[in-house]
Amino acid sequence: ALFGRRHRCENCSSPDLDHVAFARTGTVHTYTVQRYAPPPPHSLPTSPWQPRPVAWIDLDDNGPRILAPIACAPEEVSIGMKVRAECHIGWRDAEGRPVIAYGFAPLTNDGDAA
């Protein structure tokens, strides 16, 4: 699974691709807490670095399992937690332009992101 529109396979260069929209919601399969800042060139906006949960998410509707950060405190994440995909500024490039990234946010009981 690749995010964003592609014109060829990144592994074999074939132009024969299926474009599929995945569910925006999913469930935490397992997680860890990233306690160190990513190395350059990823100049993340949080300074000083704050630990963050990173989880394997099983997307709903039989979607794939993907790895992504979760926008909550490490002590708030749990296996089985329902989450929703969201886009945010992941970091800024060398010219200071925002680079858009995806992550997940916990869902509240009414289905909204927390």
C-alpha atoms as a PDB file:
ATOM      1  CA  ALA A   1       0.000   0.000   0.000  1.00  0.00           C
ATOM      2  CA  LEU A   2       1.312   3.403  -0.984  1.00  0.00           C
ATOM      3  CA  PHE A   3      -0.162   6.714   0.061  1.00  0.00           C
ATOM      4  CA  GLY A   4      -0.758   9.326  -2.591  1.00  0.00           C
ATOM      5  CA  ARG A   5      -1.282   8.775  -6.293  1.00  0.00           C
ATOM      6  CA  ARG A   6       1.468   6.807  -8.011  1.00  0.00           C
ATOM      7  CA  HIS A   7       2.076   6.201 -11.710  1.00  0.00           C
ATOM      8  CA  ARG A   8       4.175   3.070 -11.261  1.00  0.00           C
ATOM      9  CA  CYS A   9       4.952   0.411  -8.679  1.00  0.00           C
ATOM     10  CA  GLU A  10       7.803   1.457  -6.386  1.00  0.00           C
ATOM     11  CA  ASN A  11       9.108  -2.143  -6.301  1.00  0.00           C
ATOM     12  CA  CYS A  12       8.928  -3.312  -9.929  1.00  0.00           C
ATOM     13  CA  SER A  13       8.129  -0.118 -11.937  1.00  0.00           C
ATOM     14  CA  SER A  14       4.977  -1.635 -13.431  1.00  0.00           C
ATOM     15  CA  PRO A  15       2.348   0.928 -14.476  1.00  0.00           C
ATOM     16  CA  ASP A  16      -0.423  -1.636 -13.678  1.00  0.00           C
ATOM     17  CA  LEU A  17      -1.724  -0.239 -10.365  1.00  0.00           C
ATOM     18  CA  ASP A  18      -5.060  -0.392  -8.581  1.00  0.00           C
ATOM     19  CA  HIS A  19      -6.114   2.837  -6.852  1.00  0.00           C
ATOM     20  CA  VAL A  20      -8.057   2.036  -3.687  1.00  0.00           C
ATOM     21  CA  ALA A  21      -9.431   4.365  -1.003  1.00  0.00           C
ATOM     22  CA  PHE A  22      -8.835   2.944   2.477  1.00  0.00           C
ATOM     23  CA  ALA A  23     -10.980   3.568   5.536  1.00  0.00           C
ATOM     24  CA  ARG A  24      -9.974   6.602   7.585  1.00  0.00           C
ATOM     25  CA  THR A  25     -10.579   4.775  10.875  1.00  0.00           C
ATOM     26  CA  GLY A  26      -8.897   1.795  12.459  1.00  0.00           C
ATOM     27  CA  THR A  27      -7.836  -0.019  15.610  1.00  0.00           C
ATOM     28  CA  VAL A  28      -4.476  -0.070  17.406  1.00  0.00           C
ATOM     29  CA  HIS A  29      -3.003  -3.550  16.916  1.00  0.00           C
ATOM     30  CA  THR A  30       0.116  -2.863  19.005  1.00  0.00           C
ATOM     31  CA  TYR A  31       2.294   0.143  19.850  1.00  0.00           C
ATOM     32  CA  THR A  32       5.528   1.426  21.293  1.00  0.00           C
ATOM     33  CA  VAL A  33       6.671   4.796  22.610  1.00  0.00           C
ATOM     34  CA  GLN A  34       9.243   6.652  20.513  1.00  0.00           C
ATOM     35  CA  ARG A  35      11.472   8.271  23.132  1.00  0.00           C
ATOM     36  CA  TYR A  36      14.031   9.871  20.805  1.00  0.00           C
ATOM     37  CA  ALA A  37      13.767  12.476  18.061  1.00  0.00           C
ATOM     38  CA  PRO A  38      14.016  11.232  14.461  1.00  0.00           C
ATOM     39  CA  PRO A  39      17.341  12.008  12.769  1.00  0.00           C
ATOM     40  CA  PRO A  40      17.691  14.765  10.133  1.00  0.00           C
ATOM     41  CA  PRO A  41      16.206  15.754   7.749  1.00  0.00           C
ATOM     42  CA  HIS A  42      13.029  15.372   9.855  1.00  0.00           C
ATOM     43  CA  SER A  43      13.037  18.578  11.899  1.00  0.00           C
ATOM     44  CA  LEU A  44       9.861  17.885  13.826  1.00  0.00           C
ATOM     45  CA  PRO A  45       7.982  20.882  15.269  1.00  0.00           C
ATOM     46  CA  THR A  46       8.172  19.771  18.911  1.00  0.00           C
ATOM     47  CA  SER A  47      11.138  21.237  20.726  1.00  0.00           C
ATOM     48  CA  PRO A  48      12.305  19.896  23.062  1.00  0.00           C
ATOM     49  CA  TRP A  49      11.409  16.395  21.907  1.00  0.00           C
ATOM     50  CA  GLN A  50       8.436  14.769  23.643  1.00  0.00           C
ATOM     51  CA  PRO A  51       7.947  10.973  23.629  1.00  0.00           C
ATOM     52  CA  ARG A  52       5.076   9.901  21.368  1.00  0.00           C
ATOM     53  CA  PRO A  53       3.207   6.659  20.733  1.00  0.00           C
ATOM     54  CA  VAL A  54       3.742   4.960  17.375  1.00  0.00           C
ATOM     55  CA  ALA A  55       1.366   2.126  16.519  1.00  0.00           C
ATOM     56  CA  TRP A  56       0.506  -0.539  14.017  1.00  0.00           C
ATOM     57  CA  ILE A  57      -3.055   0.362  12.985  1.00  0.00           C
ATOM     58  CA  ASP A  58      -5.467  -2.134  11.420  1.00  0.00           C
ATOM     59  CA  LEU A  59      -7.584  -0.006   9.087  1.00  0.00           C
ATOM     60  CA  ASP A  60     -11.319  -0.711   9.122  1.00  0.00           C
ATOM     61  CA  ASP A  61     -13.192  -2.408   6.255  1.00  0.00           C
ATOM     62  CA  ASN A  62     -10.468  -5.036   5.815  1.00  0.00           C
ATOM     63  CA  GLY A  63      -7.823  -2.404   5.060  1.00  0.00           C
ATOM     64  CA  PRO A  64      -4.078  -2.919   5.515  1.00  0.00           C
ATOM     65  CA  ARG A  65      -2.098  -2.656   8.744  1.00  0.00           C
ATOM     66  CA  ILE A  66       0.033   0.516   8.717  1.00  0.00           C
ATOM     67  CA  LEU A  67       2.569   2.110  11.062  1.00  0.00           C
ATOM     68  CA  ALA A  68       1.907   5.684  12.217  1.00  0.00           C
ATOM     69  CA  PRO A  69       2.202   8.049  15.197  1.00  0.00           C
ATOM     70  CA  ILE A  70      -0.842   8.638  17.403  1.00  0.00           C
ATOM     71  CA  ALA A  71      -1.620  12.185  18.610  1.00  0.00           C
ATOM     72  CA  CYS A  72      -2.029  11.515  22.327  1.00  0.00           C
ATOM     73  CA  ALA A  73       0.097  11.134  25.436  1.00  0.00           C
ATOM     74  CA  PRO A  74       1.913   7.787  25.682  1.00  0.00           C
ATOM     75  CA  GLU A  75      -0.115   6.798  28.761  1.00  0.00           C
ATOM     76  CA  GLU A  76      -3.401   7.332  26.847  1.00  0.00           C
ATOM     77  CA  VAL A  77      -2.817   4.780  24.055  1.00  0.00           C
ATOM     78  CA  SER A  78      -3.978   1.176  24.386  1.00  0.00           C
ATOM     79  CA  ILE A  79      -4.246  -1.938  22.267  1.00  0.00           C
ATOM     80  CA  GLY A  80      -7.728  -2.057  20.755  1.00  0.00           C
ATOM     81  CA  MET A  81      -8.132   1.757  20.819  1.00  0.00           C
ATOM     82  CA  LYS A  82     -10.191   3.173  17.928  1.00  0.00           C
ATOM     83  CA  VAL A  83      -8.381   5.905  15.949  1.00  0.00           C
ATOM     84  CA  ARG A  84      -8.911   8.132  12.900  1.00  0.00           C
ATOM     85  CA  ALA A  85      -6.348   9.242  10.300  1.00  0.00           C
ATOM     86  CA  GLU A  86      -5.463  12.935  10.174  1.00  0.00           C
ATOM     87  CA  CYS A  87      -2.980  15.024   8.202  1.00  0.00           C
ATOM     88  CA  HIS A  88      -0.641  17.489   9.917  1.00  0.00           C
ATOM     89  CA  ILE A  89       2.660  19.285   9.382  1.00  0.00           C
ATOM     90  CA  GLY A  90       5.202  16.517   9.939  1.00  0.00           C
ATOM     91  CA  TRP A  91       8.298  18.714   9.672  1.00  0.00           C
ATOM     92  CA  ARG A  92       9.738  21.547   7.599  1.00  0.00           C
ATOM     93  CA  ASP A  93      12.145  21.095   4.726  1.00  0.00           C
ATOM     94  CA  ALA A  94      15.496  22.898   4.362  1.00  0.00           C
ATOM     95  CA  GLU A  95      13.684  25.987   2.970  1.00  0.00           C
ATOM     96  CA  GLY A  96      11.219  26.051   5.857  1.00  0.00           C
ATOM     97  CA  ARG A  97       8.259  24.753   3.802  1.00  0.00           C
ATOM     98  CA  PRO A  98       5.824  22.455   5.613  1.00  0.00           C
ATOM     99  CA  VAL A  99       5.927  18.774   4.736  1.00  0.00           C
ATOM    100  CA  ILE A 100       2.505  17.185   5.180  1.00  0.00           C
ATOM    101  CA  ALA A 101       2.425  13.872   7.056  1.00  0.00           C
ATOM    102  CA  TYR A 102      -0.295  11.582   8.313  1.00  0.00           C
ATOM    103  CA  GLY A 103      -0.947  10.172  11.741  1.00  0.00           C
ATOM    104  CA  PHE A 104      -3.875   9.076  13.854  1.00  0.00           C
ATOM    105  CA  ALA A 105      -5.900  10.578  16.695  1.00  0.00           C
ATOM    106  CA  PRO A 106      -7.952   8.664  19.270  1.00  0.00           C
ATOM    107  CA  LEU A 107     -11.699   8.547  18.629  1.00  0.00           C
ATOM    108  CA  THR A 108     -14.108   9.662  21.327  1.00  0.00           C
ATOM    109  CA  ASN A 109     -17.282   7.729  22.147  1.00  0.00           C
ATOM    110  CA  ASP A 110     -19.234   9.853  19.652  1.00  0.00           C
ATOM    111  CA  GLY A 111     -16.798   9.027  16.791  1.00  0.00           C
ATOM    112  CA  ASP A 112     -14.932  12.355  16.715  1.00  0.00           C
ATOM    113  CA  ALA A 113     -11.166  12.633  17.035  1.00  0.00           C
ATOM    114  CA  ALA A 114     -10.107  13.595  20.547  1.00  0.00           C
END
